[in-house]
Amino acid sequence: MVKTRSSHRLKIANGVEAVIDGRIYIERINAPFLAAGGSGDDFRAGIARAIAQGWLWRHESGTYLKFTEAGAALFA
């Protein structure tokens, strides 16, 4: 279940246009996920797993994420 959560977040993030230096603002992933019926707890769990797996990197401010090389390779 947690892997599915992470995969859904990654798919949404992959579809979001990155801004400066590959940054993806977290609300650009969160909003579509919540609109599709996801919960805040599920969102946080999926993002935490993607970070733990090395697929995403979160800025210390928590406002944006970036794909790591490993994360980008999942969509190559």
PDB file of N, CA and C in Angstrom:
ATOM      1  N   MET A   1       0.825  -1.201   0.000  1.00  0.00           N
ATOM      2  CA  MET A   1       0.000   0.000   0.000  1.00  0.00           C
ATOM      3  C   MET A   1       0.862   1.255   0.000  1.00  0.00           C
ATOM      4  N   VAL A   2       1.901   1.275   0.826  1.00  0.00           N
ATOM      5  CA  VAL A   2       2.765   2.461   0.876  1.00  0.00           C
ATOM      6  C   VAL A   2       3.471   2.657  -0.452  1.00  0.00           C
ATOM      7  N   LYS A   3       3.892   1.562  -1.099  1.00  0.00           N
ATOM      8  CA  LYS A   3       4.557   1.693  -2.388  1.00  0.00           C
ATOM      9  C   LYS A   3       3.615   2.328  -3.404  1.00  0.00           C
ATOM     10  N   THR A   4       2.343   1.933  -3.374  1.00  0.00           N
ATOM     11  CA  THR A   4       1.359   2.515  -4.276  1.00  0.00           C
ATOM     12  C   THR A   4       1.207   4.000  -4.013  1.00  0.00           C
ATOM     13  N   ARG A   5       1.182   4.398  -2.752  1.00  0.00           N
ATOM     14  CA  ARG A   5       1.079   5.812  -2.397  1.00  0.00           C
ATOM     15  C   ARG A   5       2.237   6.592  -3.008  1.00  0.00           C
ATOM     16  N   SER A   6       3.433   6.061  -2.857  1.00  0.00           N
ATOM     17  CA  SER A   6       4.613   6.738  -3.391  1.00  0.00           C
ATOM     18  C   SER A   6       4.543   6.829  -4.907  1.00  0.00           C
ATOM     19  N   SER A   7       4.141   5.762  -5.551  1.00  0.00           N
ATOM     20  CA  SER A   7       4.061   5.741  -7.007  1.00  0.00           C
ATOM     21  C   SER A   7       3.078   6.787  -7.518  1.00  0.00           C
ATOM     22  N   HIS A   8       1.948   6.918  -6.846  1.00  0.00           N
ATOM     23  CA  HIS A   8       0.953   7.907  -7.265  1.00  0.00           C
ATOM     24  C   HIS A   8       1.528   9.323  -7.169  1.00  0.00           C
ATOM     25  N   ARG A   9       2.232   9.629  -6.096  1.00  0.00           N
ATOM     26  CA  ARG A   9       2.843  10.944  -5.933  1.00  0.00           C
ATOM     27  C   ARG A   9       3.887  11.183  -7.002  1.00  0.00           C
ATOM     28  N   LEU A  10       4.673  10.162  -7.299  1.00  0.00           N
ATOM     29  CA  LEU A  10       5.716  10.303  -8.315  1.00  0.00           C
ATOM     30  C   LEU A  10       5.106  10.557  -9.691  1.00  0.00           C
ATOM     31  N   LYS A  11       4.011   9.876 -10.005  1.00  0.00           N
ATOM     32  CA  LYS A  11       3.354  10.094 -11.288  1.00  0.00           C
ATOM     33  C   LYS A  11       2.823  11.519 -11.396  1.00  0.00           C
ATOM     34  N   ILE A  12       2.225  12.006 -10.319  1.00  0.00           N
ATOM     35  CA  ILE A  12       1.743  13.389 -10.326  1.00  0.00           C
ATOM     36  C   ILE A  12       2.920  14.349 -10.483  1.00  0.00           C
ATOM     37  N   ALA A  13       3.972  14.133  -9.714  1.00  0.00           N
ATOM     38  CA  ALA A  13       5.152  15.011  -9.783  1.00  0.00           C
ATOM     39  C   ALA A  13       5.765  14.999 -11.172  1.00  0.00           C
ATOM     40  N   ASN A  14       5.791  13.842 -11.807  1.00  0.00           N
ATOM     41  CA  ASN A  14       6.354  13.750 -13.145  1.00  0.00           C
ATOM     42  C   ASN A  14       5.546  14.557 -14.152  1.00  0.00           C
ATOM     43  N   GLY A  15       4.254  14.700 -13.918  1.00  0.00           N
ATOM     44  CA  GLY A  15       3.398  15.454 -14.819  1.00  0.00           C
ATOM     45  C   GLY A  15       3.382  16.953 -14.565  1.00  0.00           C
ATOM     46  N   VAL A  16       3.986  17.380 -13.473  1.00  0.00           N
ATOM     47  CA  VAL A  16       4.015  18.795 -13.114  1.00  0.00           C
ATOM     48  C   VAL A  16       5.235  19.445 -13.747  1.00  0.00           C
ATOM     49  N   GLU A  17       5.026  20.594 -14.341  1.00  0.00           N
ATOM     50  CA  GLU A  17       6.155  21.313 -14.931  1.00  0.00           C
ATOM     51  C   GLU A  17       7.012  21.917 -13.823  1.00  0.00           C
ATOM     52  N   ALA A  18       8.276  21.569 -13.855  1.00  0.00           N
ATOM     53  CA  ALA A  18       9.217  22.086 -12.859  1.00  0.00           C
ATOM     54  C   ALA A  18       9.516  23.552 -13.158  1.00  0.00           C
ATOM     55  N   VAL A  19       9.844  24.272 -12.108  1.00  0.00           N
ATOM     56  CA  VAL A  19      10.240  25.669 -12.266  1.00  0.00           C
ATOM     57  C   VAL A  19      11.756  25.735 -12.171  1.00  0.00           C
ATOM     58  N   ILE A  20      12.289  26.798 -11.705  1.00  0.00           N
ATOM     59  CA  ILE A  20      13.722  27.031 -11.620  1.00  0.00           C
ATOM     60  C   ILE A  20      14.475  25.818 -11.064  1.00  0.00           C
ATOM     61  N   ASP A  21      15.488  25.387 -11.782  1.00  0.00           N
ATOM     62  CA  ASP A  21      16.403  24.353 -11.312  1.00  0.00           C
ATOM     63  C   ASP A  21      15.698  23.035 -10.973  1.00  0.00           C
ATOM     64  N   GLY A  22      14.637  22.704 -11.691  1.00  0.00           N
ATOM     65  CA  GLY A  22      13.959  21.432 -11.482  1.00  0.00           C
ATOM     66  C   GLY A  22      13.069  21.366 -10.256  1.00  0.00           C
ATOM     67  N   ARG A  23      12.799  22.493  -9.644  1.00  0.00           N
ATOM     68  CA  ARG A  23      11.973  22.513  -8.431  1.00  0.00           C
ATOM     69  C   ARG A  23      10.511  22.242  -8.766  1.00  0.00           C
ATOM     70  N   ILE A  24       9.887  21.428  -7.941  1.00  0.00           N
ATOM     71  CA  ILE A  24       8.460  21.151  -8.055  1.00  0.00           C
ATOM     72  C   ILE A  24       7.831  21.580  -6.740  1.00  0.00           C
ATOM     73  N   TYR A  25       7.014  22.609  -6.799  1.00  0.00           N
ATOM     74  CA  TYR A  25       6.388  23.076  -5.566  1.00  0.00           C
ATOM     75  C   TYR A  25       5.440  22.013  -5.031  1.00  0.00           C
ATOM     76  N   ILE A  26       5.529  21.750  -3.755  1.00  0.00           N
ATOM     77  CA  ILE A  26       4.804  20.643  -3.145  1.00  0.00           C
ATOM     78  C   ILE A  26       3.299  20.767  -3.332  1.00  0.00           C
ATOM     79  N   GLU A  27       2.766  21.980  -3.350  1.00  0.00           N
ATOM     80  CA  GLU A  27       1.323  22.134  -3.534  1.00  0.00           C
ATOM     81  C   GLU A  27       0.866  21.724  -4.928  1.00  0.00           C
ATOM     82  N   ARG A  28       1.807  21.714  -5.890  1.00  0.00           N
ATOM     83  CA  ARG A  28       1.480  21.280  -7.253  1.00  0.00           C
ATOM     84  C   ARG A  28       1.282  19.769  -7.320  1.00  0.00           C
ATOM     85  N   ILE A  29       1.781  19.052  -6.335  1.00  0.00           N
ATOM     86  CA  ILE A  29       1.560  17.609  -6.231  1.00  0.00           C
ATOM     87  C   ILE A  29       0.406  17.343  -5.278  1.00  0.00           C
ATOM     88  N   ASN A  30       0.383  18.064  -4.187  1.00  0.00           N
ATOM     89  CA  ASN A  30      -0.613  17.857  -3.145  1.00  0.00           C
ATOM     90  C   ASN A  30      -2.033  18.117  -3.644  1.00  0.00           C
ATOM     91  N   ALA A  31      -2.253  19.225  -4.339  1.00  0.00           N
ATOM     92  CA  ALA A  31      -3.604  19.595  -4.776  1.00  0.00           C
ATOM     93  C   ALA A  31      -4.255  18.524  -5.657  1.00  0.00           C
ATOM     94  N   PRO A  32      -3.581  18.018  -6.712  1.00  0.00           N
ATOM     95  CA  PRO A  32      -4.222  16.980  -7.529  1.00  0.00           C
ATOM     96  C   PRO A  32      -4.451  15.682  -6.747  1.00  0.00           C
ATOM     97  N   PHE A  33      -3.531  15.376  -5.831  1.00  0.00           N
ATOM     98  CA  PHE A  33      -3.686  14.163  -5.039  1.00  0.00           C
ATOM     99  C   PHE A  33      -4.917  14.261  -4.145  1.00  0.00           C
ATOM    100  N   LEU A  34      -5.078  15.378  -3.464  1.00  0.00           N
ATOM    101  CA  LEU A  34      -6.236  15.569  -2.591  1.00  0.00           C
ATOM    102  C   LEU A  34      -7.532  15.636  -3.406  1.00  0.00           C
ATOM    103  N   ALA A  35      -7.482  16.267  -4.569  1.00  0.00           N
ATOM    104  CA  ALA A  35      -8.660  16.362  -5.430  1.00  0.00           C
ATOM    105  C   ALA A  35      -9.115  14.988  -5.921  1.00  0.00           C
ATOM    106  N   ALA A  36      -8.180  14.052  -6.019  1.00  0.00           N
ATOM    107  CA  ALA A  36      -8.504  12.690  -6.451  1.00  0.00           C
ATOM    108  C   ALA A  36      -9.006  11.829  -5.294  1.00  0.00           C
ATOM    109  N   GLY A  37      -9.139  12.433  -4.110  1.00  0.00           N
ATOM    110  CA  GLY A  37      -9.686  11.701  -2.969  1.00  0.00           C
ATOM    111  C   GLY A  37      -8.666  11.226  -1.960  1.00  0.00           C
ATOM    112  N   GLY A  38      -7.394  11.565  -2.156  1.00  0.00           N
ATOM    113  CA  GLY A  38      -6.355  11.172  -1.202  1.00  0.00           C
ATOM    114  C   GLY A  38      -6.452  11.993   0.074  1.00  0.00           C
ATOM    115  N   SER A  39      -5.836  11.482   1.125  1.00  0.00           N
ATOM    116  CA  SER A  39      -5.827  12.205   2.401  1.00  0.00           C
ATOM    117  C   SER A  39      -4.458  12.839   2.642  1.00  0.00           C
ATOM    118  N   GLY A  40      -4.432  13.783   3.549  1.00  0.00           N
ATOM    119  CA  GLY A  40      -3.164  14.421   3.916  1.00  0.00           C
ATOM    120  C   GLY A  40      -2.182  13.420   4.500  1.00  0.00           C
ATOM    121  N   ASP A  41      -2.676  12.492   5.314  1.00  0.00           N
ATOM    122  CA  ASP A  41      -1.796  11.473   5.905  1.00  0.00           C
ATOM    123  C   ASP A  41      -1.194  10.584   4.830  1.00  0.00           C
ATOM    124  N   ASP A  42      -2.015  10.180   3.855  1.00  0.00           N
ATOM    125  CA  ASP A  42      -1.503   9.359   2.759  1.00  0.00           C
ATOM    126  C   ASP A  42      -0.481  10.127   1.940  1.00  0.00           C
ATOM    127  N   PHE A  43      -0.741  11.410   1.711  1.00  0.00           N
ATOM    128  CA  PHE A  43       0.189  12.235   0.947  1.00  0.00           C
ATOM    129  C   PHE A  43       1.544  12.288   1.648  1.00  0.00           C
ATOM    130  N   ARG A  44       1.528  12.595   2.939  1.00  0.00           N
ATOM    131  CA  ARG A  44       2.785  12.685   3.696  1.00  0.00           C
ATOM    132  C   ARG A  44       3.529  11.354   3.715  1.00  0.00           C
ATOM    133  N   ALA A  45       2.796  10.261   3.879  1.00  0.00           N
ATOM    134  CA  ALA A  45       3.427   8.937   3.909  1.00  0.00           C
ATOM    135  C   ALA A  45       4.072   8.600   2.572  1.00  0.00           C
ATOM    136  N   GLY A  46       3.382   8.923   1.488  1.00  0.00           N
ATOM    137  CA  GLY A  46       3.930   8.635   0.161  1.00  0.00           C
ATOM    138  C   GLY A  46       5.160   9.460  -0.153  1.00  0.00           C
ATOM    139  N   ILE A  47       5.126  10.735   0.195  1.00  0.00           N
ATOM    140  CA  ILE A  47       6.283  11.599  -0.029  1.00  0.00           C
ATOM    141  C   ILE A  47       7.460  11.126   0.829  1.00  0.00           C
ATOM    142  N   ALA A  48       7.193  10.786   2.087  1.00  0.00           N
ATOM    143  CA  ALA A  48       8.260  10.303   2.979  1.00  0.00           C
ATOM    144  C   ALA A  48       8.899   9.036   2.420  1.00  0.00           C
ATOM    145  N   ARG A  49       8.092   8.135   1.878  1.00  0.00           N
ATOM    146  CA  ARG A  49       8.637   6.900   1.300  1.00  0.00           C
ATOM    147  C   ARG A  49       9.471   7.206   0.065  1.00  0.00           C
ATOM    148  N   ALA A  50       8.977   8.090  -0.798  1.00  0.00           N
ATOM    149  CA  ALA A  50       9.731   8.440  -2.006  1.00  0.00           C
ATOM    150  C   ALA A  50      11.071   9.068  -1.650  1.00  0.00           C
ATOM    151  N   ILE A  51      11.101   9.862  -0.600  1.00  0.00           N
ATOM    152  CA  ILE A  51      12.362  10.462  -0.137  1.00  0.00           C
ATOM    153  C   ILE A  51      13.266   9.374   0.443  1.00  0.00           C
ATOM    154  N   ALA A  52      12.701   8.492   1.254  1.00  0.00           N
ATOM    155  CA  ALA A  52      13.488   7.406   1.859  1.00  0.00           C
ATOM    156  C   ALA A  52      14.067   6.468   0.797  1.00  0.00           C
ATOM    157  N   GLN A  53      13.342   6.282  -0.296  1.00  0.00           N
ATOM    158  CA  GLN A  53      13.821   5.425  -1.385  1.00  0.00           C
ATOM    159  C   GLN A  53      14.853   6.138  -2.266  1.00  0.00           C
ATOM    160  N   GLY A  54      15.012   7.446  -2.045  1.00  0.00           N
ATOM    161  CA  GLY A  54      15.984   8.196  -2.839  1.00  0.00           C
ATOM    162  C   GLY A  54      15.441   8.665  -4.169  1.00  0.00           C
ATOM    163  N   TRP A  55      14.108   8.698  -4.320  1.00  0.00           N
ATOM    164  CA  TRP A  55      13.507   9.129  -5.576  1.00  0.00           C
ATOM    165  C   TRP A  55      13.259  10.627  -5.609  1.00  0.00           C
ATOM    166  N   LEU A  56      12.993  11.216  -4.448  1.00  0.00           N
ATOM    167  CA  LEU A  56      12.753  12.653  -4.347  1.00  0.00           C
ATOM    168  C   LEU A  56      13.666  13.249  -3.285  1.00  0.00           C
ATOM    169  N   TRP A  57      13.959  14.526  -3.442  1.00  0.00           N
ATOM    170  CA  TRP A  57      14.711  15.300  -2.448  1.00  0.00           C
ATOM    171  C   TRP A  57      13.827  16.469  -2.057  1.00  0.00           C
ATOM    172  N   ARG A  58      13.687  16.706  -0.751  1.00  0.00           N
ATOM    173  CA  ARG A  58      12.857  17.813  -0.265  1.00  0.00           C
ATOM    174  C   ARG A  58      13.756  18.904   0.294  1.00  0.00           C
ATOM    175  N   HIS A  59      13.493  20.127  -0.120  1.00  0.00           N
ATOM    176  CA  HIS A  59      14.232  21.271   0.413  1.00  0.00           C
ATOM    177  C   HIS A  59      13.915  21.413   1.897  1.00  0.00           C
ATOM    178  N   GLU A  60      14.864  21.907   2.662  1.00  0.00           N
ATOM    179  CA  GLU A  60      14.690  22.043   4.116  1.00  0.00           C
ATOM    180  C   GLU A  60      13.491  22.899   4.494  1.00  0.00           C
ATOM    181  N   SER A  61      13.068  23.794   3.623  1.00  0.00           N
ATOM    182  CA  SER A  61      11.888  24.622   3.904  1.00  0.00           C
ATOM    183  C   SER A  61      10.595  23.832   3.757  1.00  0.00           C
ATOM    184  N   GLY A  62      10.666  22.710   3.039  1.00  0.00           N
ATOM    185  CA  GLY A  62       9.485  21.893   2.802  1.00  0.00           C
ATOM    186  C   GLY A  62       8.583  22.413   1.702  1.00  0.00           C
ATOM    187  N   THR A  63       8.995  23.475   1.010  1.00  0.00           N
ATOM    188  CA  THR A  63       8.126  24.075   0.002  1.00  0.00           C
ATOM    189  C   THR A  63       8.267  23.452  -1.380  1.00  0.00           C
ATOM    190  N   TYR A  64       9.381  22.784  -1.643  1.00  0.00           N
ATOM    191  CA  TYR A  64       9.520  22.158  -2.946  1.00  0.00           C
ATOM    192  C   TYR A  64      10.333  20.874  -2.870  1.00  0.00           C
ATOM    193  N   LEU A  65      10.160  20.087  -3.927  1.00  0.00           N
ATOM    194  CA  LEU A  65      10.849  18.807  -4.083  1.00  0.00           C
ATOM    195  C   LEU A  65      11.605  18.833  -5.405  1.00  0.00           C
ATOM    196  N   LYS A  66      12.525  17.911  -5.545  1.00  0.00           N
ATOM    197  CA  LYS A  66      13.208  17.688  -6.821  1.00  0.00           C
ATOM    198  C   LYS A  66      13.335  16.189  -7.013  1.00  0.00           C
ATOM    199  N   PHE A  67      13.262  15.758  -8.261  1.00  0.00           N
ATOM    200  CA  PHE A  67      13.565  14.367  -8.557  1.00  0.00           C
ATOM    201  C   PHE A  67      15.069  14.160  -8.412  1.00  0.00           C
ATOM    202  N   THR A  68      15.450  13.050  -7.828  1.00  0.00           N
ATOM    203  CA  THR A  68      16.852  12.649  -7.829  1.00  0.00           C
ATOM    204  C   THR A  68      17.102  11.939  -9.164  1.00  0.00           C
ATOM    205  N   GLU A  69      18.327  11.578  -9.432  1.00  0.00           N
ATOM    206  CA  GLU A  69      18.615  10.815 -10.651  1.00  0.00           C
ATOM    207  C   GLU A  69      17.865   9.492 -10.645  1.00  0.00           C
ATOM    208  N   ALA A  70      17.821   8.840  -9.482  1.00  0.00           N
ATOM    209  CA  ALA A  70      17.106   7.564  -9.363  1.00  0.00           C
ATOM    210  C   ALA A  70      15.615   7.757  -9.620  1.00  0.00           C
ATOM    211  N   GLY A  71      15.048   8.833  -9.110  1.00  0.00           N
ATOM    212  CA  GLY A  71      13.625   9.106  -9.328  1.00  0.00           C
ATOM    213  C   GLY A  71      13.323   9.421 -10.780  1.00  0.00           C
ATOM    214  N   ALA A  72      14.172  10.213 -11.408  1.00  0.00           N
ATOM    215  CA  ALA A  72      13.974  10.556 -12.827  1.00  0.00           C
ATOM    216  C   ALA A  72      14.101   9.322 -13.700  1.00  0.00           C
ATOM    217  N   ALA A  73      14.967   8.392 -13.315  1.00  0.00           N
ATOM    218  CA  ALA A  73      15.169   7.172 -14.088  1.00  0.00           C
ATOM    219  C   ALA A  73      13.918   6.299 -14.117  1.00  0.00           C
ATOM    220  N   LEU A  74      13.052   6.435 -13.139  1.00  0.00           N
ATOM    221  CA  LEU A  74      11.809   5.662 -13.123  1.00  0.00           C
ATOM    222  C   LEU A  74      10.891   6.031 -14.284  1.00  0.00           C
ATOM    223  N   PHE A  75      11.083   7.217 -14.862  1.00  0.00           N
ATOM    224  CA  PHE A  75      10.236   7.682 -15.955  1.00  0.00           C
ATOM    225  C   PHE A  75      10.980   7.805 -17.268  1.00  0.00           C
ATOM    226  N   ALA A  76      12.221   7.346 -17.290  1.00  0.00           N
ATOM    227  CA  ALA A  76      13.032   7.448 -18.521  1.00  0.00           C
ATOM    228  C   ALA A  76      12.649   6.388 -19.527  1.00  0.00           C
TER     229      ALA A  76
END
